[in-house]
Amino acid sequence: MNKKMNNTFSVFITLLLMSVFVTTVQAQQTDREITEQFLQEYQEVELMITDSQTMDDLRATQDRVNELLNDYREHSVVINRRIQPETMGSKFEDLRVKFMAMQSKIRTIQRQDRSISQLRSELMRTRDRMDRYDQHINWLIGRVVELEERALVAEQAGGETVTASLRERDRFVTEFLTDLLERYDAVDATTQQEMTAIFERLDDSPVDLVRTMLGEHLMYAQQAEHTPTDLMNMKAQQAYFSNWWQQFGDQLVNTFETENPAQARSEINERLSDWNAAIDDQLWGAISDAYSQNGFNLPSFNSSQEFYNAQENYIRERTETARDRNNEEDLEQFRTFSDFWNQSVKSEWGDALTASAVMSHTQIANIDRMLSEWSLVAAPTREGNLMTILFFLSLAVNIGLIVVLVRRNNGSESA
């Protein structure tokens, strides 16, 4: 009996041990499966982060990370034991680092995409602007050719028409170049480079265009037999060009002559100086000849101030002579000079006289005043009443001519 009970107890103990062993094995197997399942899902989430292309992809990945953490939070002890020295916490920290790195990368890519889109749009706008500049430049070249042809035709018709046509062309070109420089400064560096490339493809750059124009003016000024009016118009145009160059020359050569702006600047300055010298070589002689041909031998002069002084001295001397002699000859001299002054100098030379700075409005008014004084002393005393009438008549004519001259000058300035 005891032997039977001992056998039964042994069997029970054996079964119990076997049950414990099986349970332990099953528990170990379950822990391994949980850990393996966790690591498999972890790798899937890790791959999702790596493959993310957009912020929406990352947001979906973030939701999956939260699910993974919630699913295996209660198994953290088991998982930590089987993946040591790593832990679930370190694993999720790695995911967080990778997530933040990918988020930064995607944001950078998105910013770059936006920048590329903006650059593409700007490139399209730039190309449109360049097309317009190409058209504008081609139009400019055609316009200059047209004006040069008109100047050639005008040259056959008369010098004054030539200078008028050249002035029209010069003002057009300088206004265009001024507008071009303002537009150039208003665009970005890339557009400026593209504009510069366009000018490099042209036969004449903007600076070359100025060189050519000044060369033409110099050759024209060196031609013989120009009238005082033509020469004064040339001098006025040279002053216009000099003022424009002083204002915009540095900007022009620094923009379009980047390789050697100092040389370009020096060449233009030299041509302007040569042009002015060529005009002066003829101008003062032509004016002196015009006075001499009408019987008035003025003292020699080579500048505007000397010209004014020569007239002033001549009138003063004749006035003093008339004051001393008071005869018909003095009256005739006054009449002859007054007619020449009013009908030739003020009337024919007109606006060119002041536009060229050969004489100022103040100097013209002073000459008129001195002529009035000469008329008073030139009249013989026995013709008192008649001379008084002639004086007031001459004064009225002078005032009328001054008004006409001022109106014409104001009209040309407003144009």
Protein backbone atom coordinates (compact mmCIF):
# COMPACT_ATOMS: atom_id res chain seq x y z
CA MET A 1 0.00 0.00 0.00
CA ASN A 2 2.75 2.37 0.96
CA LYS A 3 4.61 1.35 -2.09
CA LYS A 4 1.61 2.17 -4.27
CA MET A 5 1.23 5.60 -2.67
CA ASN A 6 4.88 6.33 -3.15
CA ASN A 7 4.56 5.53 -6.83
CA THR A 8 1.52 7.75 -7.13
CA PHE A 9 3.30 10.64 -5.40
CA SER A 10 6.32 10.24 -7.65
CA VAL A 11 4.12 10.35 -10.71
CA PHE A 12 2.42 13.48 -9.38
CA ILE A 13 5.71 15.19 -8.71
CA THR A 14 6.94 14.23 -12.15
CA LEU A 15 3.81 15.57 -13.81
CA LEU A 16 4.05 18.76 -11.77
CA LEU A 17 7.65 19.28 -12.77
CA MET A 18 6.81 18.57 -16.36
CA SER A 19 3.94 21.06 -16.21
CA VAL A 20 6.20 23.71 -14.71
CA PHE A 21 8.83 22.99 -17.35
CA VAL A 22 6.31 23.19 -20.17
CA THR A 23 4.89 26.42 -18.74
CA THR A 24 8.38 27.88 -18.46
CA VAL A 25 9.22 26.88 -22.00
CA GLN A 26 5.94 28.32 -23.25
CA ALA A 27 6.57 31.53 -21.34
CA GLN A 28 10.06 31.79 -22.79
CA GLN A 29 8.71 31.10 -26.24
CA THR A 30 6.02 33.82 -25.81
CA ASP A 31 8.59 36.38 -24.62
CA ARG A 32 10.74 35.65 -27.65
CA GLU A 33 7.82 35.97 -30.00
CA ILE A 34 6.76 39.28 -28.42
CA THR A 35 10.29 40.64 -28.71
CA GLU A 36 10.68 39.43 -32.28
CA GLN A 37 7.31 40.89 -33.21
CA PHE A 38 8.27 44.19 -31.61
CA LEU A 39 11.58 44.33 -33.45
CA GLN A 40 9.87 43.49 -36.72
CA GLU A 41 7.28 46.25 -36.31
CA TYR A 42 10.02 48.59 -35.12
CA GLN A 43 11.97 48.02 -38.34
CA GLU A 44 8.82 48.69 -40.36
CA VAL A 45 8.32 52.02 -38.59
CA GLU A 46 12.00 52.86 -39.03
CA LEU A 47 11.68 52.15 -42.75
CA MET A 48 8.58 54.35 -42.94
CA ILE A 49 10.57 57.25 -41.53
CA THR A 50 13.41 56.67 -43.98
CA ASP A 51 11.05 56.46 -46.97
CA SER A 52 8.98 59.55 -46.05
CA GLN A 53 8.80 62.12 -48.85
CA THR A 54 6.35 64.65 -47.47
CA MET A 55 5.18 66.04 -44.16
CA ASP A 56 1.99 63.98 -44.57
CA ASP A 57 4.13 60.83 -44.74
CA LEU A 58 5.87 61.88 -41.54
CA ARG A 59 2.59 62.55 -39.76
CA ALA A 60 1.41 59.05 -40.67
CA THR A 61 4.69 57.66 -39.36
CA GLN A 62 4.29 59.55 -36.11
CA ASP A 63 0.88 57.95 -35.60
CA ARG A 64 2.43 54.52 -36.23
CA VAL A 65 5.17 55.22 -33.65
CA ASN A 66 2.54 56.05 -31.04
CA GLU A 67 0.66 52.84 -31.83
CA LEU A 68 3.85 50.79 -31.49
CA LEU A 69 4.61 52.36 -28.13
CA ASN A 70 1.08 51.71 -26.83
CA ASP A 71 1.04 48.12 -28.10
CA TYR A 72 4.27 47.07 -26.37
CA ARG A 73 4.40 49.34 -23.35
CA GLU A 74 3.22 46.50 -21.00
CA HIS A 75 5.91 44.19 -22.41
CA SER A 76 8.75 46.64 -21.83
CA VAL A 77 10.35 44.52 -19.07
CA VAL A 78 10.40 41.40 -21.24
CA ILE A 79 11.62 43.28 -24.30
CA ASN A 80 14.30 45.18 -22.34
CA ARG A 81 15.59 41.86 -20.95
CA ARG A 82 15.86 40.25 -24.37
CA ILE A 83 17.40 43.23 -26.29
CA GLN A 84 19.85 44.38 -23.65
CA PRO A 85 22.04 46.41 -23.50
CA GLU A 86 19.42 48.34 -25.54
CA THR A 87 16.01 49.21 -24.15
CA MET A 88 12.64 50.12 -25.55
CA GLY A 89 13.29 53.66 -24.40
CA SER A 90 16.57 53.90 -26.35
CA LYS A 91 14.89 52.36 -29.37
CA PHE A 92 12.15 54.99 -29.38
CA GLU A 93 14.73 57.71 -28.80
CA ASP A 94 16.51 56.56 -31.96
CA LEU A 95 13.21 56.78 -33.79
CA ARG A 96 12.68 60.30 -32.48
CA VAL A 97 16.15 61.40 -33.67
CA LYS A 98 15.57 59.89 -37.12
CA PHE A 99 12.11 61.44 -37.26
CA MET A 100 13.45 64.93 -36.45
CA ALA A 101 16.29 64.56 -38.98
CA MET A 102 13.86 63.50 -41.71
CA GLN A 103 11.48 66.32 -40.78
CA SER A 104 14.31 68.85 -41.15
CA LYS A 105 15.35 67.30 -44.46
CA ILE A 106 11.82 67.43 -45.89
CA ARG A 107 11.37 71.05 -44.81
CA THR A 108 14.68 71.94 -46.44
CA ILE A 109 13.62 70.20 -49.65
CA GLN A 110 10.28 72.01 -49.59
CA ARG A 111 12.00 75.38 -49.15
CA GLN A 112 14.34 74.53 -52.00
CA ASP A 113 11.41 73.51 -54.16
CA ARG A 114 9.72 76.83 -53.45
CA SER A 115 12.93 78.67 -54.22
CA ILE A 116 13.35 76.75 -57.46
CA SER A 117 9.78 77.60 -58.42
CA GLN A 118 10.41 81.25 -57.66
CA LEU A 119 13.65 81.17 -59.61
CA ARG A 120 11.90 79.57 -62.56
CA SER A 121 9.23 82.25 -62.46
CA GLU A 122 11.87 84.96 -62.18
CA LEU A 123 13.80 83.36 -65.04
CA MET A 124 10.69 83.50 -67.22
CA ARG A 125 10.15 87.14 -66.29
CA THR A 126 13.83 87.87 -66.94
CA ARG A 127 13.66 86.24 -70.35
CA ASP A 128 10.61 88.32 -71.14
CA ARG A 129 12.50 91.45 -70.05
CA MET A 130 15.49 90.43 -72.13
CA ASP A 131 13.26 89.94 -75.16
CA ARG A 132 11.89 93.42 -74.62
CA TYR A 133 15.40 94.83 -74.22
CA ASP A 134 16.45 93.06 -77.42
CA GLN A 135 13.51 94.62 -79.22
CA HIS A 136 14.23 98.00 -77.64
CA ILE A 137 17.88 97.89 -78.66
CA ASN A 138 17.08 96.78 -82.19
CA TRP A 139 14.55 99.59 -82.40
CA LEU A 140 17.19 102.01 -81.12
CA ILE A 141 19.66 100.91 -83.77
CA GLY A 142 17.03 101.31 -86.48
CA ARG A 143 16.08 104.73 -85.12
CA VAL A 144 19.72 105.89 -85.08
CA VAL A 145 20.19 104.69 -88.66
CA GLU A 146 17.03 106.55 -89.66
CA LEU A 147 18.22 109.75 -87.98
CA GLU A 148 21.64 109.44 -89.59
CA GLU A 149 20.00 109.05 -93.00
CA ARG A 150 17.91 112.14 -92.30
CA ALA A 151 21.06 114.00 -91.28
CA LEU A 152 22.72 112.98 -94.56
CA VAL A 153 19.76 114.25 -96.54
CA ALA A 154 19.71 117.42 -94.45
CA GLU A 155 23.41 117.99 -95.11
CA GLN A 156 22.64 118.38 -98.77
CA ALA A 157 19.94 120.93 -97.93
CA GLY A 158 21.86 123.16 -95.53
CA GLY A 159 24.01 123.25 -92.40
CA GLU A 160 21.35 124.48 -89.97
CA THR A 161 19.09 121.54 -90.89
CA VAL A 162 22.01 119.16 -90.37
CA THR A 163 22.72 120.40 -86.86
CA ALA A 164 19.01 120.27 -86.00
CA SER A 165 18.84 116.65 -87.15
CA LEU A 166 21.98 115.77 -85.22
CA ARG A 167 20.57 117.42 -82.10
CA GLU A 168 17.41 115.36 -82.48
CA ARG A 169 19.42 112.17 -82.77
CA ASP A 170 21.74 113.04 -79.87
CA ARG A 171 18.90 113.84 -77.50
CA PHE A 172 17.10 110.65 -78.47
CA VAL A 173 20.19 108.49 -77.87
CA THR A 174 21.18 110.16 -74.60
CA GLU A 175 17.63 109.90 -73.27
CA PHE A 176 17.55 106.22 -74.22
CA LEU A 177 20.91 105.53 -72.55
CA THR A 178 19.78 107.39 -69.43
CA ASP A 179 16.63 105.29 -69.30
CA LEU A 180 18.69 102.16 -69.91
CA LEU A 181 21.01 102.90 -66.98
CA GLU A 182 18.05 103.50 -64.68
CA ARG A 183 16.48 100.20 -65.75
CA TYR A 184 19.83 98.42 -65.36
CA ASP A 185 20.21 99.61 -61.77
CA ALA A 186 16.66 98.49 -60.97
CA VAL A 187 17.17 94.78 -61.82
CA ASP A 188 19.00 92.06 -59.94
CA ALA A 189 22.56 90.90 -60.59
CA THR A 190 21.51 87.97 -62.78
CA THR A 191 19.43 90.19 -65.05
CA GLN A 192 22.28 92.70 -65.23
CA GLN A 193 24.61 89.95 -66.45
CA GLU A 194 22.12 88.91 -69.10
CA MET A 195 21.71 92.53 -70.23
CA THR A 196 25.50 92.89 -70.45
CA ALA A 197 25.64 89.73 -72.55
CA ILE A 198 23.11 91.21 -74.95
CA PHE A 199 25.22 94.34 -75.44
CA GLU A 200 28.31 92.21 -75.99
CA ARG A 201 26.54 90.56 -78.92
CA LEU A 202 25.87 93.94 -80.56
CA ASP A 203 28.28 95.48 -83.03
CA ASP A 204 28.28 98.68 -80.97
CA SER A 205 28.03 98.81 -77.20
CA PRO A 206 26.39 101.85 -75.55
CA VAL A 207 29.84 103.37 -74.99
CA ASP A 208 30.83 102.63 -78.60
CA LEU A 209 27.67 104.40 -79.69
CA VAL A 210 28.75 107.53 -77.80
CA ARG A 211 32.26 107.28 -79.28
CA THR A 212 30.83 107.06 -82.79
CA MET A 213 28.51 110.02 -82.30
CA LEU A 214 31.29 112.22 -80.94
CA GLY A 215 33.55 111.18 -83.80
CA GLU A 216 30.88 112.23 -86.30
CA HIS A 217 30.44 115.59 -84.56
CA LEU A 218 34.21 116.17 -84.57
CA MET A 219 34.49 115.48 -88.30
CA TYR A 220 31.50 117.70 -89.04
CA ALA A 221 32.94 120.55 -86.93
CA GLN A 222 36.27 120.29 -88.78
CA GLN A 223 34.60 120.89 -92.13
CA ALA A 224 35.14 124.37 -93.55
CA GLU A 225 32.66 127.18 -94.20
CA HIS A 226 30.28 126.90 -91.26
CA THR A 227 28.10 129.89 -90.49
CA PRO A 228 28.19 131.50 -87.04
CA THR A 229 24.69 130.08 -86.41
CA ASP A 230 25.83 126.54 -87.28
CA LEU A 231 28.89 126.86 -85.08
CA MET A 232 26.88 128.21 -82.15
CA ASN A 233 24.41 125.36 -82.53
CA MET A 234 27.34 122.94 -82.46
CA LYS A 235 28.70 124.59 -79.33
CA ALA A 236 25.29 124.32 -77.66
CA GLN A 237 25.14 120.63 -78.54
CA GLN A 238 28.68 120.07 -77.25
CA ALA A 239 27.67 121.68 -73.96
CA TYR A 240 24.58 119.45 -73.79
CA PHE A 241 26.67 116.35 -74.38
CA SER A 242 29.32 117.44 -71.86
CA ASN A 243 26.71 117.99 -69.14
CA TRP A 244 25.11 114.63 -69.89
CA TRP A 245 28.46 112.86 -69.83
CA GLN A 246 29.44 114.53 -66.57
CA GLN A 247 26.22 113.23 -65.01
CA PHE A 248 26.07 109.71 -66.47
CA GLY A 249 29.51 108.98 -67.94
CA ASP A 250 31.02 107.18 -64.94
CA GLN A 251 27.94 105.01 -64.54
CA LEU A 252 27.91 104.19 -68.27
CA VAL A 253 31.54 103.04 -68.52
CA ASN A 254 31.46 101.21 -65.18
CA THR A 255 28.40 99.29 -66.37
CA PHE A 256 29.30 98.48 -69.97
CA GLU A 257 33.11 98.83 -70.07
CA THR A 258 33.98 96.71 -67.04
CA GLU A 259 37.33 95.53 -68.44
CA ASN A 260 38.85 99.01 -68.74
CA PRO A 261 36.46 101.79 -67.69
CA ALA A 262 39.26 104.32 -67.10
CA GLN A 263 40.43 104.06 -70.71
CA ALA A 264 36.88 104.40 -72.06
CA ARG A 265 36.27 107.43 -69.84
CA SER A 266 39.51 109.04 -71.01
CA GLU A 267 38.68 108.46 -74.69
CA ILE A 268 35.25 110.06 -74.37
CA ASN A 269 36.65 113.05 -72.45
CA GLU A 270 39.31 113.52 -75.12
CA ARG A 271 36.74 113.45 -77.93
CA LEU A 272 34.56 115.98 -76.13
CA SER A 273 37.57 118.26 -75.69
CA ASP A 274 38.62 117.87 -79.34
CA TRP A 275 35.08 118.60 -80.47
CA ASN A 276 34.92 121.82 -78.43
CA ALA A 277 38.36 122.90 -79.68
CA ALA A 278 37.34 122.26 -83.32
CA ILE A 279 34.27 124.45 -82.83
CA ASP A 280 36.19 127.26 -81.13
CA ASP A 281 38.84 127.18 -83.88
CA GLN A 282 36.18 128.44 -86.29
CA LEU A 283 33.54 130.08 -84.11
CA TRP A 284 35.27 133.24 -82.95
CA GLY A 285 36.80 133.84 -86.36
CA ALA A 286 33.42 133.37 -88.06
CA ILE A 287 31.76 135.84 -85.68
CA SER A 288 34.58 138.36 -86.13
CA ASP A 289 34.33 138.00 -89.93
CA ALA A 290 30.57 138.60 -89.78
CA TYR A 291 31.15 141.88 -87.92
CA SER A 292 34.01 142.89 -90.23
CA GLN A 293 32.03 142.20 -93.40
CA ASN A 294 29.45 144.68 -92.15
CA GLY A 295 32.10 147.32 -91.41
CA PHE A 296 32.67 146.73 -87.69
CA ASN A 297 36.26 145.87 -86.78
CA LEU A 298 36.02 144.60 -83.24
CA PRO A 299 39.08 143.96 -81.07
CA SER A 300 40.24 140.34 -81.34
CA PHE A 301 38.50 137.79 -79.12
CA ASN A 302 38.70 134.06 -78.44
CA SER A 303 36.03 133.45 -75.83
CA SER A 304 32.50 134.46 -74.90
CA GLN A 305 33.65 137.05 -72.36
CA GLU A 306 36.19 138.52 -74.78
CA PHE A 307 33.50 138.73 -77.46
CA TYR A 308 31.20 140.64 -75.13
CA ASN A 309 34.05 142.92 -74.01
CA ALA A 310 34.95 143.61 -77.66
CA GLN A 311 31.40 144.72 -78.45
CA GLU A 312 31.17 146.75 -75.27
CA ASN A 313 34.47 148.54 -76.00
CA TYR A 314 33.48 149.19 -79.62
CA ILE A 315 30.12 150.73 -78.66
CA ARG A 316 31.66 152.73 -75.82
CA GLU A 317 34.31 154.17 -78.11
CA ARG A 318 31.75 155.09 -80.78
CA THR A 319 29.51 156.63 -78.14
CA GLU A 320 32.32 158.82 -76.83
CA THR A 321 33.24 159.85 -80.38
CA ALA A 322 29.61 160.72 -81.11
CA ARG A 323 29.41 162.69 -77.88
CA ASP A 324 32.42 164.74 -78.91
CA ARG A 325 31.61 165.26 -82.61
CA ASN A 326 27.82 164.98 -82.78
CA ASN A 327 27.49 164.88 -86.57
CA GLU A 328 25.68 162.93 -89.30
CA GLU A 329 28.50 160.42 -89.68
CA ASP A 330 28.11 159.34 -86.06
CA LEU A 331 24.39 158.93 -86.51
CA GLU A 332 24.90 156.81 -89.64
CA GLN A 333 27.41 154.59 -87.77
CA PHE A 334 24.90 154.08 -85.03
CA ARG A 335 22.13 153.21 -87.47
CA THR A 336 24.31 150.73 -89.34
CA PHE A 337 25.48 148.95 -86.18
CA SER A 338 22.01 148.97 -84.65
CA ASP A 339 20.52 147.40 -87.80
CA PHE A 340 23.21 144.71 -87.85
CA TRP A 341 22.76 143.99 -84.13
CA ASN A 342 18.99 143.70 -84.33
CA GLN A 343 18.50 142.12 -87.74
CA SER A 344 21.51 139.78 -87.88
CA VAL A 345 22.95 139.09 -84.43
CA LYS A 346 19.72 138.98 -82.41
CA SER A 347 17.36 137.87 -85.17
CA GLU A 348 19.38 135.41 -87.29
CA TRP A 349 21.60 133.99 -84.57
CA GLY A 350 18.69 134.08 -82.15
CA ASP A 351 18.41 131.17 -79.72
CA ALA A 352 21.83 129.82 -80.72
CA LEU A 353 23.43 132.92 -79.24
CA THR A 354 22.27 132.10 -75.71
CA ALA A 355 22.01 128.31 -76.04
CA SER A 356 25.72 128.15 -76.88
CA ALA A 357 26.57 130.55 -74.03
CA VAL A 358 28.24 132.88 -76.55
CA MET A 359 26.17 135.63 -74.94
CA SER A 360 23.81 135.63 -71.98
CA HIS A 361 20.43 137.35 -71.83
CA THR A 362 21.92 139.86 -69.41
CA GLN A 363 24.76 140.70 -71.80
CA ILE A 364 22.30 141.14 -74.68
CA ALA A 365 20.20 143.49 -72.55
CA ASN A 366 23.35 145.47 -71.63
CA ILE A 367 24.27 145.88 -75.31
CA ASP A 368 20.71 147.10 -75.99
CA ARG A 369 21.06 149.62 -73.16
CA MET A 370 24.42 150.86 -74.49
CA LEU A 371 22.94 151.24 -77.99
CA SER A 372 20.16 153.37 -76.53
CA GLU A 373 22.77 155.62 -74.95
CA TRP A 374 24.71 155.76 -78.25
CA SER A 375 21.56 156.75 -80.11
CA LEU A 376 21.03 159.70 -77.77
CA VAL A 377 24.50 161.17 -78.20
CA ALA A 378 24.71 160.33 -81.93
CA ALA A 379 21.71 162.47 -82.86
CA PRO A 380 22.73 165.98 -83.98
CA THR A 381 21.27 168.61 -81.67
CA ARG A 382 19.51 170.46 -84.52
CA GLU A 383 17.41 167.40 -85.11
CA GLY A 384 16.28 167.24 -81.55
CA ASN A 385 12.66 166.33 -82.09
CA LEU A 386 13.47 163.91 -84.88
CA MET A 387 16.18 162.23 -82.81
CA THR A 388 13.85 161.90 -79.89
CA ILE A 389 11.38 160.12 -82.13
CA LEU A 390 14.12 157.91 -83.53
CA PHE A 391 15.33 157.07 -80.03
CA PHE A 392 11.91 155.96 -78.84
CA LEU A 393 11.36 154.07 -82.10
CA SER A 394 14.69 152.26 -81.69
CA LEU A 395 13.90 151.53 -78.04
CA ALA A 396 10.51 150.07 -78.98
CA VAL A 397 12.12 147.87 -81.64
CA ASN A 398 14.73 146.65 -79.16
CA ILE A 399 12.14 145.84 -76.53
CA GLY A 400 10.05 143.98 -79.09
CA LEU A 401 13.03 141.90 -80.22
CA ILE A 402 13.93 141.08 -76.62
CA VAL A 403 10.39 139.82 -75.99
CA VAL A 404 10.50 137.68 -79.15
CA LEU A 405 13.90 136.27 -78.20
CA VAL A 406 12.83 135.38 -74.66
CA ARG A 407 9.63 133.73 -75.93
CA ARG A 408 11.54 131.67 -78.46
CA ASN A 409 14.06 130.65 -75.83
CA ASN A 410 11.35 129.65 -73.35
CA GLY A 411 9.58 127.73 -76.09
CA SER A 412 12.72 125.78 -76.97
CA GLU A 413 13.42 124.98 -73.30
CA SER A 414 9.92 123.64 -72.74
CA ALA A 415 10.23 121.50 -75.89
